[in-house]
N, C-alpha and C. Protein backbone atom coordinates (compact mmCIF):
# COMPACT_ATOMS: atom_id res chain seq x y z
N UNK A 1 117.31 186.77 108.70
CA UNK A 1 117.88 188.11 108.60
C UNK A 1 119.37 187.98 108.31
N UNK A 2 119.87 188.74 107.37
CA UNK A 2 121.29 188.73 107.07
C UNK A 2 121.81 190.14 107.02
N UNK A 3 123.09 190.30 107.34
CA UNK A 3 123.77 191.57 107.15
C UNK A 3 125.14 191.29 106.57
N UNK A 4 125.63 192.20 105.78
CA UNK A 4 126.85 191.93 105.03
C UNK A 4 128.04 192.72 105.54
N UNK A 5 129.19 192.04 105.51
CA UNK A 5 130.46 192.71 105.72
C UNK A 5 131.03 192.95 104.33
N UNK A 6 130.93 194.18 103.85
CA UNK A 6 131.29 194.46 102.46
C UNK A 6 132.74 194.87 102.28
N UNK A 7 133.48 194.93 103.36
CA UNK A 7 134.85 195.44 103.24
C UNK A 7 135.76 194.49 102.51
N UNK A 8 135.51 193.17 102.66
CA UNK A 8 136.37 192.20 102.00
C UNK A 8 137.70 192.02 102.66
N UNK A 9 137.93 192.58 103.87
CA UNK A 9 139.21 192.44 104.54
C UNK A 9 139.07 191.51 105.73
N UNK A 10 139.90 190.48 105.78
CA UNK A 10 139.77 189.46 106.81
C UNK A 10 140.14 189.98 108.19
N UNK A 11 140.83 191.11 108.27
CA UNK A 11 141.31 191.60 109.56
C UNK A 11 140.18 192.01 110.49
N UNK A 12 139.00 192.31 109.94
CA UNK A 12 137.90 192.81 110.76
C UNK A 12 137.18 191.71 111.53
N UNK A 13 137.32 190.47 111.09
CA UNK A 13 136.69 189.35 111.77
C UNK A 13 137.79 188.42 112.26
N UNK A 14 137.83 188.22 113.55
CA UNK A 14 138.82 187.32 114.16
C UNK A 14 138.09 186.12 114.73
N UNK A 15 138.82 185.05 115.08
CA UNK A 15 138.16 183.92 115.75
C UNK A 15 137.41 184.33 117.01
N UNK A 16 137.96 185.30 117.75
CA UNK A 16 137.30 185.76 118.97
C UNK A 16 135.97 186.46 118.65
N UNK A 17 135.97 187.28 117.60
CA UNK A 17 134.73 187.92 117.16
C UNK A 17 133.72 186.86 116.71
N UNK A 18 134.21 185.84 116.05
CA UNK A 18 133.35 184.77 115.58
C UNK A 18 132.66 184.06 116.75
N UNK A 19 133.38 183.82 117.82
CA UNK A 19 132.78 183.19 119.00
C UNK A 19 131.68 184.06 119.59
N UNK A 20 131.92 185.36 119.64
CA UNK A 20 130.89 186.26 120.17
C UNK A 20 129.65 186.25 119.27
N UNK A 21 129.87 186.12 117.97
CA UNK A 21 128.74 186.05 117.05
C UNK A 21 127.92 184.79 117.29
N UNK A 22 128.59 183.67 117.47
CA UNK A 22 127.86 182.42 117.75
C UNK A 22 127.05 182.54 119.03
N UNK A 23 127.62 183.20 120.02
CA UNK A 23 126.91 183.37 121.29
C UNK A 23 125.66 184.23 121.12
N UNK A 24 125.59 185.02 120.07
CA UNK A 24 124.42 185.85 119.78
C UNK A 24 123.47 185.18 118.79
N UNK A 25 123.85 183.99 118.30
CA UNK A 25 122.98 183.26 117.39
C UNK A 25 123.20 183.55 115.92
N UNK A 26 124.32 184.14 115.55
CA UNK A 26 124.59 184.42 114.14
C UNK A 26 125.88 183.72 113.70
N UNK A 27 126.01 183.52 112.40
CA UNK A 27 127.18 182.84 111.86
C UNK A 27 127.50 183.41 110.48
N UNK A 28 128.74 183.25 110.00
CA UNK A 28 129.13 183.83 108.72
C UNK A 28 129.00 182.85 107.56
N UNK A 29 128.78 183.39 106.38
CA UNK A 29 128.81 182.61 105.15
C UNK A 29 129.41 183.49 104.05
N UNK A 30 129.77 182.84 102.96
CA UNK A 30 130.23 183.55 101.77
C UNK A 30 129.32 183.17 100.61
N UNK A 31 129.27 184.03 99.60
CA UNK A 31 128.45 183.73 98.43
C UNK A 31 129.00 182.53 97.66
N UNK A 32 130.32 182.43 97.61
CA UNK A 32 130.96 181.34 96.88
C UNK A 32 132.40 181.21 97.36
N UNK A 33 133.06 180.16 96.92
CA UNK A 33 134.45 179.93 97.32
C UNK A 33 135.37 181.03 96.81
N UNK A 34 134.99 181.68 95.70
CA UNK A 34 135.84 182.71 95.10
C UNK A 34 135.53 184.12 95.59
N UNK A 35 134.45 184.27 96.35
CA UNK A 35 134.07 185.59 96.85
C UNK A 35 134.81 185.84 98.18
N UNK A 36 135.66 186.87 98.27
CA UNK A 36 136.44 187.09 99.48
C UNK A 36 135.65 187.67 100.65
N UNK A 37 134.43 188.15 100.41
CA UNK A 37 133.67 188.79 101.48
C UNK A 37 132.82 187.78 102.23
N UNK A 38 132.37 188.19 103.41
CA UNK A 38 131.49 187.37 104.23
C UNK A 38 130.23 188.16 104.57
N UNK A 39 129.17 187.47 104.92
CA UNK A 39 127.99 188.13 105.45
C UNK A 39 127.47 187.31 106.63
N UNK A 40 126.84 188.00 107.56
CA UNK A 40 126.31 187.36 108.76
C UNK A 40 124.91 186.85 108.49
N UNK A 41 124.58 185.71 109.07
CA UNK A 41 123.28 185.07 108.85
C UNK A 41 122.62 184.80 110.21
N UNK A 42 121.34 185.14 110.31
CA UNK A 42 120.53 184.84 111.49
C UNK A 42 119.17 184.36 111.00
N UNK A 43 119.02 183.06 110.75
CA UNK A 43 117.78 182.57 110.14
C UNK A 43 116.56 182.79 111.03
N UNK A 44 115.42 183.05 110.40
CA UNK A 44 114.16 183.15 111.13
C UNK A 44 113.79 181.80 111.74
N UNK A 45 114.05 180.72 111.00
CA UNK A 45 113.83 179.37 111.48
C UNK A 45 115.19 178.67 111.54
N UNK A 46 115.47 178.04 112.68
CA UNK A 46 116.79 177.45 112.90
C UNK A 46 116.70 175.94 112.96
N UNK A 47 117.66 175.27 112.37
CA UNK A 47 117.71 173.82 112.41
C UNK A 47 118.45 173.32 113.64
N UNK A 48 117.88 172.35 114.33
CA UNK A 48 118.53 171.70 115.46
C UNK A 48 118.22 170.21 115.41
N UNK A 49 119.11 169.41 115.99
CA UNK A 49 118.84 167.99 116.20
C UNK A 49 118.77 167.76 117.71
N UNK A 50 117.60 167.48 118.25
CA UNK A 50 117.52 167.18 119.68
C UNK A 50 118.35 165.93 120.01
N UNK A 51 119.28 166.07 120.92
CA UNK A 51 120.18 164.96 121.20
C UNK A 51 119.44 163.77 121.80
N UNK A 52 118.33 164.03 122.49
CA UNK A 52 117.54 162.93 123.03
C UNK A 52 116.63 162.28 122.02
N UNK A 53 116.54 162.86 120.83
CA UNK A 53 115.65 162.32 119.80
C UNK A 53 116.39 161.96 118.53
N UNK A 54 117.68 161.73 118.63
CA UNK A 54 118.49 161.39 117.46
C UNK A 54 118.07 160.02 116.93
N UNK A 55 117.79 159.95 115.63
CA UNK A 55 117.30 158.71 115.02
C UNK A 55 118.35 158.11 114.09
N UNK A 56 118.48 156.80 114.16
CA UNK A 56 119.43 156.08 113.30
C UNK A 56 118.70 154.93 112.63
N UNK A 57 118.68 154.92 111.31
CA UNK A 57 118.05 153.83 110.57
C UNK A 57 118.78 152.53 110.85
N UNK A 58 118.06 151.43 110.78
CA UNK A 58 118.65 150.13 111.12
C UNK A 58 119.82 149.78 110.20
N UNK A 59 119.71 150.11 108.92
CA UNK A 59 120.81 149.80 108.01
C UNK A 59 122.06 150.58 108.38
N UNK A 60 121.87 151.87 108.70
CA UNK A 60 123.02 152.67 109.11
C UNK A 60 123.61 152.16 110.41
N UNK A 61 122.75 151.76 111.35
CA UNK A 61 123.24 151.22 112.61
C UNK A 61 124.12 150.00 112.38
N UNK A 62 123.74 149.16 111.43
CA UNK A 62 124.58 147.99 111.12
C UNK A 62 125.93 148.43 110.57
N UNK A 63 125.92 149.46 109.73
CA UNK A 63 127.19 149.96 109.19
C UNK A 63 128.07 150.52 110.29
N UNK A 64 127.46 151.30 111.19
CA UNK A 64 128.23 151.88 112.30
C UNK A 64 128.80 150.77 113.17
N UNK A 65 127.99 149.78 113.49
CA UNK A 65 128.42 148.70 114.38
C UNK A 65 129.51 147.83 113.75
N UNK A 66 129.53 147.76 112.42
CA UNK A 66 130.51 146.91 111.73
C UNK A 66 131.92 147.46 111.78
N UNK A 67 132.06 148.76 112.11
CA UNK A 67 133.37 149.42 112.10
C UNK A 67 134.07 149.26 110.75
N UNK A 68 133.26 149.35 109.68
CA UNK A 68 133.85 149.31 108.33
C UNK A 68 134.74 150.53 108.10
N UNK A 69 134.46 151.61 108.83
CA UNK A 69 135.28 152.82 108.79
C UNK A 69 135.98 152.98 110.14
N UNK A 70 137.12 153.66 110.11
CA UNK A 70 137.76 154.12 111.34
C UNK A 70 137.41 155.58 111.53
N UNK A 71 136.93 155.92 112.72
CA UNK A 71 136.48 157.29 112.99
C UNK A 71 137.40 157.93 114.02
N UNK A 72 137.93 159.09 113.69
CA UNK A 72 138.83 159.82 114.58
C UNK A 72 138.30 161.23 114.80
N UNK A 73 138.90 161.94 115.75
CA UNK A 73 138.51 163.33 116.00
C UNK A 73 139.76 164.21 116.01
N UNK A 74 139.64 165.37 115.40
CA UNK A 74 140.68 166.40 115.41
C UNK A 74 142.03 165.90 114.91
N UNK A 75 142.01 164.90 114.06
CA UNK A 75 143.26 164.40 113.50
C UNK A 75 143.59 165.07 112.18
N UNK A 76 142.56 165.56 111.47
CA UNK A 76 142.79 166.14 110.14
C UNK A 76 141.79 167.27 109.89
N UNK A 77 141.79 168.25 110.79
CA UNK A 77 140.80 169.32 110.72
C UNK A 77 140.90 170.07 109.38
N UNK A 78 142.10 170.43 108.99
CA UNK A 78 142.27 171.19 107.75
C UNK A 78 141.79 170.40 106.54
N UNK A 79 142.06 169.10 106.54
CA UNK A 79 141.63 168.26 105.42
C UNK A 79 140.12 168.11 105.38
N UNK A 80 139.48 168.11 106.55
CA UNK A 80 138.02 168.02 106.58
C UNK A 80 137.39 169.28 105.99
N UNK A 81 137.90 170.44 106.36
CA UNK A 81 137.37 171.67 105.76
C UNK A 81 137.56 171.66 104.25
N UNK A 82 138.72 171.20 103.80
CA UNK A 82 138.96 171.11 102.36
C UNK A 82 137.97 170.16 101.70
N UNK A 83 137.67 169.05 102.37
CA UNK A 83 136.69 168.12 101.82
C UNK A 83 135.30 168.73 101.76
N UNK A 84 134.94 169.49 102.78
CA UNK A 84 133.63 170.14 102.80
C UNK A 84 133.53 171.22 101.73
N UNK A 85 134.65 171.85 101.40
CA UNK A 85 134.66 172.92 100.40
C UNK A 85 134.71 172.39 98.98
N UNK A 86 135.08 171.13 98.80
CA UNK A 86 135.20 170.55 97.46
C UNK A 86 133.82 170.28 96.87
N UNK A 87 133.72 170.28 95.53
CA UNK A 87 132.43 169.95 94.90
C UNK A 87 131.94 168.58 95.33
N UNK A 88 130.62 168.48 95.51
CA UNK A 88 129.98 167.21 95.88
C UNK A 88 128.93 166.88 94.82
N UNK A 89 128.51 165.62 94.76
CA UNK A 89 127.42 165.29 93.82
C UNK A 89 126.19 166.16 94.08
N UNK A 90 125.74 166.86 93.03
CA UNK A 90 124.60 167.74 93.17
C UNK A 90 124.94 169.12 93.71
N UNK A 91 126.23 169.38 93.98
CA UNK A 91 126.64 170.68 94.51
C UNK A 91 128.00 171.03 93.95
N UNK A 92 128.01 171.95 92.99
CA UNK A 92 129.27 172.30 92.33
C UNK A 92 129.99 173.45 93.01
N UNK A 93 129.26 174.24 93.80
CA UNK A 93 129.87 175.39 94.45
C UNK A 93 129.73 175.25 95.95
N UNK A 94 130.41 176.11 96.69
CA UNK A 94 130.39 176.04 98.15
C UNK A 94 130.43 177.45 98.72
N UNK A 95 129.98 177.58 99.96
CA UNK A 95 130.05 178.86 100.65
C UNK A 95 131.35 178.99 101.46
N UNK A 96 132.20 177.98 101.40
CA UNK A 96 133.43 177.97 102.21
C UNK A 96 134.56 178.60 101.40
N UNK A 97 134.85 179.87 101.66
CA UNK A 97 135.95 180.53 100.97
C UNK A 97 137.21 180.51 101.86
N UNK A 98 138.27 181.17 101.41
CA UNK A 98 139.53 181.12 102.17
C UNK A 98 139.41 181.80 103.52
N UNK A 99 138.62 182.86 103.61
CA UNK A 99 138.43 183.52 104.91
C UNK A 99 137.76 182.58 105.90
N UNK A 100 136.76 181.85 105.43
CA UNK A 100 136.10 180.86 106.30
C UNK A 100 137.11 179.83 106.78
N UNK A 101 137.91 179.32 105.87
CA UNK A 101 138.91 178.31 106.25
C UNK A 101 139.85 178.86 107.31
N UNK A 102 140.36 180.06 107.09
CA UNK A 102 141.32 180.64 108.03
C UNK A 102 140.69 180.88 109.40
N UNK A 103 139.46 181.39 109.42
CA UNK A 103 138.80 181.69 110.69
C UNK A 103 138.56 180.42 111.50
N UNK A 104 138.12 179.36 110.85
CA UNK A 104 137.81 178.14 111.60
C UNK A 104 139.07 177.38 111.98
N UNK A 105 140.11 177.52 111.19
CA UNK A 105 141.40 176.97 111.63
C UNK A 105 141.87 177.71 112.88
N UNK A 106 141.61 179.02 112.93
CA UNK A 106 141.93 179.78 114.14
C UNK A 106 141.12 179.32 115.33
N UNK A 107 139.82 179.04 115.13
CA UNK A 107 138.99 178.52 116.21
C UNK A 107 139.48 177.14 116.65
N UNK A 108 139.92 176.34 115.71
CA UNK A 108 140.46 175.03 116.05
C UNK A 108 141.70 175.16 116.93
N UNK A 109 142.56 176.10 116.59
CA UNK A 109 143.76 176.33 117.40
C UNK A 109 143.39 176.77 118.82
N UNK A 110 142.26 177.46 118.97
CA UNK A 110 141.81 177.92 120.28
C UNK A 110 141.05 176.83 121.04
N UNK A 111 140.81 175.69 120.40
CA UNK A 111 140.07 174.61 121.04
C UNK A 111 138.56 174.74 120.94
N UNK A 112 138.08 175.62 120.04
CA UNK A 112 136.64 175.84 119.92
C UNK A 112 136.07 175.33 118.61
N UNK A 113 136.84 174.63 117.82
CA UNK A 113 136.33 174.00 116.60
C UNK A 113 136.93 172.61 116.50
N UNK A 114 136.11 171.67 116.08
CA UNK A 114 136.53 170.26 116.07
C UNK A 114 136.08 169.59 114.78
N UNK A 115 136.77 168.53 114.45
CA UNK A 115 136.41 167.73 113.28
C UNK A 115 136.25 166.28 113.68
N UNK A 116 135.40 165.60 112.94
CA UNK A 116 135.27 164.14 113.02
C UNK A 116 135.65 163.61 111.65
N UNK A 117 136.61 162.69 111.62
CA UNK A 117 137.12 162.16 110.36
C UNK A 117 136.73 160.70 110.20
N UNK A 118 136.42 160.32 108.97
CA UNK A 118 136.07 158.94 108.66
C UNK A 118 137.05 158.42 107.62
N UNK A 119 137.66 157.29 107.93
CA UNK A 119 138.75 156.76 107.11
C UNK A 119 138.44 155.36 106.60
N UNK A 120 138.92 155.08 105.40
CA UNK A 120 139.04 153.72 104.89
C UNK A 120 140.53 153.49 104.67
N UNK A 121 141.14 152.73 105.56
CA UNK A 121 142.58 152.63 105.51
C UNK A 121 143.21 153.97 105.78
N UNK A 122 144.05 154.42 104.86
CA UNK A 122 144.70 155.72 105.01
C UNK A 122 143.96 156.82 104.26
N UNK A 123 142.83 156.52 103.67
CA UNK A 123 142.10 157.49 102.87
C UNK A 123 140.99 158.15 103.68
N UNK A 124 140.97 159.48 103.68
CA UNK A 124 139.90 160.24 104.31
C UNK A 124 138.70 160.24 103.37
N UNK A 125 137.62 159.59 103.79
CA UNK A 125 136.47 159.42 102.89
C UNK A 125 135.23 160.16 103.37
N UNK A 126 135.34 160.88 104.47
CA UNK A 126 134.20 161.64 104.95
C UNK A 126 134.54 162.35 106.25
N UNK A 127 133.64 163.23 106.65
CA UNK A 127 133.86 163.92 107.91
C UNK A 127 132.97 165.13 108.05
N UNK A 128 133.12 165.79 109.16
CA UNK A 128 132.36 167.01 109.45
C UNK A 128 133.16 167.88 110.40
N UNK A 129 132.77 169.14 110.51
CA UNK A 129 133.41 170.03 111.49
C UNK A 129 132.37 171.00 112.03
N UNK A 130 132.69 171.56 113.19
CA UNK A 130 131.79 172.51 113.81
C UNK A 130 132.45 173.22 114.97
N UNK A 131 131.68 174.03 115.65
CA UNK A 131 132.17 174.92 116.71
C UNK A 131 131.51 174.54 118.03
N UNK A 132 132.30 174.51 119.10
CA UNK A 132 131.72 174.29 120.42
C UNK A 132 131.88 175.53 121.28
N UNK A 133 130.82 175.83 122.03
CA UNK A 133 130.81 176.97 122.93
C UNK A 133 129.84 176.64 124.06
N UNK A 134 130.33 176.62 125.29
CA UNK A 134 129.50 176.19 126.40
C UNK A 134 129.05 174.76 126.20
N UNK A 135 127.74 174.55 126.27
CA UNK A 135 127.18 173.22 126.03
C UNK A 135 126.48 173.14 124.67
N UNK A 136 126.88 174.04 123.77
CA UNK A 136 126.33 174.05 122.41
C UNK A 136 127.39 173.63 121.41
N UNK A 137 126.94 172.90 120.39
CA UNK A 137 127.81 172.57 119.27
C UNK A 137 127.11 173.00 118.00
N UNK A 138 127.82 173.77 117.18
CA UNK A 138 127.26 174.33 115.96
C UNK A 138 127.86 173.58 114.77
N UNK A 139 127.08 172.69 114.18
CA UNK A 139 127.57 171.94 113.03
C UNK A 139 127.69 172.85 111.81
N UNK A 140 128.83 172.79 111.15
CA UNK A 140 129.07 173.68 110.03
C UNK A 140 128.89 173.00 108.67
N UNK A 141 129.56 171.90 108.45
CA UNK A 141 129.47 171.25 107.15
C UNK A 141 129.97 169.82 107.26
N UNK A 142 129.57 168.99 106.30
CA UNK A 142 130.04 167.61 106.24
C UNK A 142 130.25 167.22 104.79
N UNK A 143 130.99 166.15 104.59
CA UNK A 143 131.23 165.67 103.22
C UNK A 143 131.42 164.16 103.24
N UNK A 144 131.31 163.55 102.08
CA UNK A 144 131.59 162.11 101.97
C UNK A 144 132.15 161.80 100.59
N UNK A 145 133.03 160.82 100.57
CA UNK A 145 133.55 160.25 99.33
C UNK A 145 133.26 158.76 99.25
N UNK A 146 132.64 158.23 100.27
CA UNK A 146 132.21 156.84 100.31
C UNK A 146 130.82 156.80 100.91
N UNK A 147 130.02 155.84 100.49
CA UNK A 147 128.63 155.75 100.96
C UNK A 147 128.58 155.69 102.48
N UNK A 148 127.72 156.50 103.05
CA UNK A 148 127.44 156.54 104.49
C UNK A 148 128.55 157.17 105.34
N UNK A 149 129.63 157.63 104.72
CA UNK A 149 130.75 158.13 105.52
C UNK A 149 130.36 159.35 106.35
N UNK A 150 129.64 160.30 105.77
CA UNK A 150 129.25 161.49 106.54
C UNK A 150 128.20 161.13 107.59
N UNK A 151 127.34 160.16 107.30
CA UNK A 151 126.35 159.72 108.28
C UNK A 151 127.02 159.07 109.48
N UNK A 152 128.04 158.26 109.22
CA UNK A 152 128.79 157.64 110.32
C UNK A 152 129.47 158.72 111.15
N UNK A 153 130.00 159.75 110.49
CA UNK A 153 130.63 160.86 111.23
C UNK A 153 129.62 161.53 112.15
N UNK A 154 128.40 161.74 111.67
CA UNK A 154 127.37 162.39 112.48
C UNK A 154 126.99 161.52 113.68
N UNK A 155 126.87 160.23 113.49
CA UNK A 155 126.56 159.33 114.61
C UNK A 155 127.63 159.43 115.68
N UNK A 156 128.88 159.40 115.27
CA UNK A 156 129.97 159.49 116.24
C UNK A 156 130.01 160.86 116.91
N UNK A 157 129.69 161.92 116.15
CA UNK A 157 129.62 163.25 116.76
C UNK A 157 128.57 163.28 117.85
N UNK A 158 127.38 162.78 117.56
CA UNK A 158 126.29 162.82 118.54
C UNK A 158 126.66 162.04 119.79
N UNK A 159 127.28 160.88 119.63
CA UNK A 159 127.72 160.10 120.79
C UNK A 159 128.71 160.91 121.63
N UNK A 160 129.60 161.60 120.99
CA UNK A 160 130.61 162.40 121.70
C UNK A 160 129.96 163.58 122.41
N UNK A 161 128.99 164.21 121.77
CA UNK A 161 128.30 165.34 122.41
C UNK A 161 127.51 164.89 123.63
N UNK A 162 126.82 163.77 123.51
CA UNK A 162 126.06 163.25 124.64
C UNK A 162 126.99 162.92 125.80
N UNK A 163 128.07 162.21 125.50
CA UNK A 163 129.02 161.84 126.55
C UNK A 163 129.67 163.05 127.18
N UNK A 164 129.84 164.13 126.40
CA UNK A 164 130.51 165.32 126.90
C UNK A 164 129.61 166.30 127.61
N UNK A 165 128.32 166.02 127.70
CA UNK A 165 127.41 166.90 128.42
C UNK A 165 126.84 168.04 127.61
N UNK A 166 126.84 167.94 126.29
CA UNK A 166 126.26 168.98 125.44
C UNK A 166 124.73 168.90 125.49
N UNK A 167 124.09 170.05 125.26
CA UNK A 167 122.64 170.11 125.29
C UNK A 167 122.03 170.61 123.98
N UNK A 168 122.83 171.23 123.12
CA UNK A 168 122.29 171.82 121.89
C UNK A 168 123.17 171.44 120.71
N UNK A 169 122.56 170.85 119.69
CA UNK A 169 123.24 170.59 118.43
C UNK A 169 122.54 171.41 117.35
N UNK A 170 123.19 172.47 116.94
CA UNK A 170 122.67 173.42 115.95
C UNK A 170 123.12 172.96 114.56
N UNK A 171 122.16 172.80 113.65
CA UNK A 171 122.50 172.44 112.27
C UNK A 171 122.32 173.63 111.32
N UNK A 172 121.98 174.78 111.84
CA UNK A 172 121.73 176.01 111.08
C UNK A 172 120.46 175.90 110.25
N UNK A 173 120.43 174.99 109.30
CA UNK A 173 119.25 174.75 108.48
C UNK A 173 118.87 173.28 108.56
N UNK A 174 117.69 172.94 108.07
CA UNK A 174 117.24 171.55 108.02
C UNK A 174 117.14 171.13 106.56
N UNK A 175 117.81 170.04 106.23
CA UNK A 175 117.72 169.44 104.90
C UNK A 175 117.03 168.08 105.03
N UNK A 176 116.63 167.52 103.90
CA UNK A 176 116.03 166.18 103.94
C UNK A 176 117.04 165.18 104.48
N UNK A 177 118.30 165.39 104.18
CA UNK A 177 119.35 164.51 104.70
C UNK A 177 119.35 164.52 106.23
N UNK A 178 119.15 165.69 106.83
CA UNK A 178 119.19 165.79 108.29
C UNK A 178 117.88 165.38 108.94
N UNK A 179 116.77 165.52 108.22
CA UNK A 179 115.49 165.15 108.80
C UNK A 179 115.46 163.68 109.20
N UNK A 180 116.14 162.84 108.46
CA UNK A 180 116.12 161.41 108.78
C UNK A 180 116.74 161.12 110.14
N UNK A 181 117.54 162.06 110.66
CA UNK A 181 118.16 161.89 111.97
C UNK A 181 117.36 162.56 113.08
N UNK A 182 116.26 163.18 112.73
CA UNK A 182 115.43 163.85 113.73
C UNK A 182 115.56 165.35 113.77
N UNK A 183 116.21 165.94 112.78
CA UNK A 183 116.37 167.40 112.76
C UNK A 183 115.01 168.09 112.62
N UNK A 184 114.86 169.20 113.33
CA UNK A 184 113.63 169.98 113.28
C UNK A 184 113.97 171.46 113.11
N UNK A 185 112.98 172.23 112.69
CA UNK A 185 113.11 173.69 112.62
C UNK A 185 112.39 174.32 113.79
N UNK A 186 113.02 175.30 114.39
CA UNK A 186 112.38 176.02 115.49
C UNK A 186 112.51 177.53 115.23
N UNK A 187 111.55 178.33 115.74
CA UNK A 187 111.63 179.78 115.54
C UNK A 187 112.86 180.37 116.23
N UNK A 188 113.30 181.51 115.71
CA UNK A 188 114.51 182.14 116.24
C UNK A 188 114.40 182.42 117.74
N UNK A 189 113.23 182.86 118.20
CA UNK A 189 113.09 183.18 119.63
C UNK A 189 113.31 181.95 120.49
N UNK A 190 112.74 180.81 120.07
CA UNK A 190 112.94 179.58 120.84
C UNK A 190 114.40 179.13 120.78
N UNK A 191 115.00 179.29 119.59
CA UNK A 191 116.41 178.92 119.46
C UNK A 191 117.28 179.73 120.40
N UNK A 192 117.05 181.03 120.47
CA UNK A 192 117.86 181.88 121.34
C UNK A 192 117.71 181.46 122.80
N UNK A 193 116.51 181.08 123.20
CA UNK A 193 116.30 180.62 124.57
C UNK A 193 117.11 179.35 124.85
N UNK A 194 117.09 178.41 123.90
CA UNK A 194 117.87 177.18 124.05
C UNK A 194 119.37 177.49 124.07
N UNK A 195 119.78 178.42 123.21
CA UNK A 195 121.19 178.79 123.14
C UNK A 195 121.65 179.42 124.44
N UNK A 196 120.87 180.35 124.98
CA UNK A 196 121.26 181.01 126.23
C UNK A 196 121.40 180.00 127.36
N UNK A 197 120.50 179.04 127.41
CA UNK A 197 120.59 178.00 128.44
C UNK A 197 121.83 177.16 128.25
N UNK A 198 122.14 176.80 126.99
CA UNK A 198 123.31 175.98 126.71
C UNK A 198 124.61 176.71 127.02
N UNK A 199 124.60 178.03 126.90
CA UNK A 199 125.82 178.79 127.16
C UNK A 199 126.09 178.99 128.65
N UNK A 200 125.13 178.63 129.49
CA UNK A 200 125.30 178.83 130.93
C UNK A 200 126.31 177.86 131.54
N UNK A 201 126.50 176.71 130.93
CA UNK A 201 127.41 175.70 131.50
C UNK A 201 128.53 175.38 130.54
N UNK A 202 129.30 174.37 130.90
CA UNK A 202 130.42 173.93 130.07
C UNK A 202 130.30 172.44 129.78
N UNK A 203 130.62 172.08 128.56
CA UNK A 203 130.67 170.68 128.15
C UNK A 203 132.09 170.35 127.74
N UNK A 204 132.37 169.07 127.59
CA UNK A 204 133.73 168.61 127.28
C UNK A 204 133.70 167.74 126.03
N UNK A 205 134.11 168.32 124.90
CA UNK A 205 134.14 167.57 123.64
C UNK A 205 135.09 166.39 123.73
N UNK A 206 136.09 166.48 124.57
CA UNK A 206 137.12 165.44 124.65
C UNK A 206 136.93 164.51 125.85
N UNK A 207 135.71 164.46 126.40
CA UNK A 207 135.49 163.55 127.52
C UNK A 207 135.71 162.11 127.10
N UNK A 208 135.28 161.76 125.90
CA UNK A 208 135.62 160.45 125.35
C UNK A 208 137.03 160.51 124.80
N UNK A 209 137.86 159.51 125.06
CA UNK A 209 139.23 159.56 124.55
C UNK A 209 139.26 159.52 123.03
N UNK A 210 140.24 160.20 122.47
CA UNK A 210 140.40 160.19 121.02
C UNK A 210 141.19 158.98 120.53
N UNK A 211 141.94 158.38 121.43
CA UNK A 211 142.77 157.24 121.06
C UNK A 211 142.71 156.19 122.17
N UNK A 212 142.30 154.96 121.86
CA UNK A 212 141.96 154.45 120.53
C UNK A 212 140.63 154.99 120.05
N UNK A 213 140.39 154.96 118.74
CA UNK A 213 139.13 155.46 118.21
C UNK A 213 137.94 154.73 118.82
N UNK A 214 136.85 155.46 119.03
CA UNK A 214 135.63 154.90 119.60
C UNK A 214 135.04 153.88 118.65
N UNK A 215 134.60 152.75 119.17
CA UNK A 215 133.97 151.74 118.33
C UNK A 215 132.55 152.16 118.00
N UNK A 216 132.04 151.64 116.90
CA UNK A 216 130.68 151.95 116.52
C UNK A 216 129.67 151.43 117.53
N UNK A 217 129.92 150.25 118.08
CA UNK A 217 129.01 149.69 119.07
C UNK A 217 128.90 150.59 120.29
N UNK A 218 130.04 151.12 120.73
CA UNK A 218 130.02 152.00 121.90
C UNK A 218 129.29 153.30 121.59
N UNK A 219 129.48 153.84 120.40
CA UNK A 219 128.78 155.06 120.00
C UNK A 219 127.27 154.84 120.04
N UNK A 220 126.81 153.71 119.54
CA UNK A 220 125.39 153.41 119.53
C UNK A 220 124.85 153.22 120.95
N UNK A 221 125.63 152.63 121.82
CA UNK A 221 125.22 152.46 123.22
C UNK A 221 124.99 153.81 123.90
N UNK A 222 125.91 154.74 123.66
CA UNK A 222 125.80 156.07 124.28
C UNK A 222 124.54 156.77 123.81
N UNK A 223 124.27 156.69 122.51
CA UNK A 223 123.09 157.35 121.95
C UNK A 223 121.82 156.70 122.48
N UNK A 224 121.79 155.37 122.54
CA UNK A 224 120.59 154.66 123.01
C UNK A 224 120.29 155.02 124.47
N UNK A 225 121.32 155.22 125.26
CA UNK A 225 121.12 155.55 126.67
C UNK A 225 120.48 156.92 126.85
N UNK A 226 120.70 157.83 125.92
CA UNK A 226 120.13 159.19 126.00
C UNK A 226 118.71 159.24 125.42
N UNK A 227 118.42 158.35 124.49
CA UNK A 227 117.13 158.41 123.79
C UNK A 227 115.98 158.01 124.70
């Protein structure tokens, strides 16, 4: 189910309004990067990754353990959104317009939106961002400029969510890319029940220290302990 905000004025949606929308199970999207309007989305089937059933292929686990990338959190939130909004192989357009960028930067300033960055030297080669509320984390988008960079970001995100006491990882939709990690689709009614339970408590995205960066081996240990 979707409903549209046709006014095209950013003043009607604030970061605080956005948080209330997430608590109700809805989120905003835009038709394209050039379209200034937003519309609300409430899918009939919702994508989630059960944190206790997160799957990592052996090849990816070797990449994570090798620490070929340096993984940080909340060091380059604005750059991660820009990376997610940029054209990707097989995707020339994006739903991330300027209103989306401004709203999530506002959530980041409030401590309710976070990024995971993947670096090769000084170059940002991948990452993801999302929203945290209670014990729920709502994944928004990811990108990569190097092989496996976004996958490594997701592994580190899941380790951080597990360590921080999160119970729900919402992916909005399920893609073939996410299925390999254990993503499933659930009906809206079941999703709302899981969301309400997750909103009853509080989790800590920053329970793991941001500096020094978490090693890949430690991230894998945390995930294995929950599985």
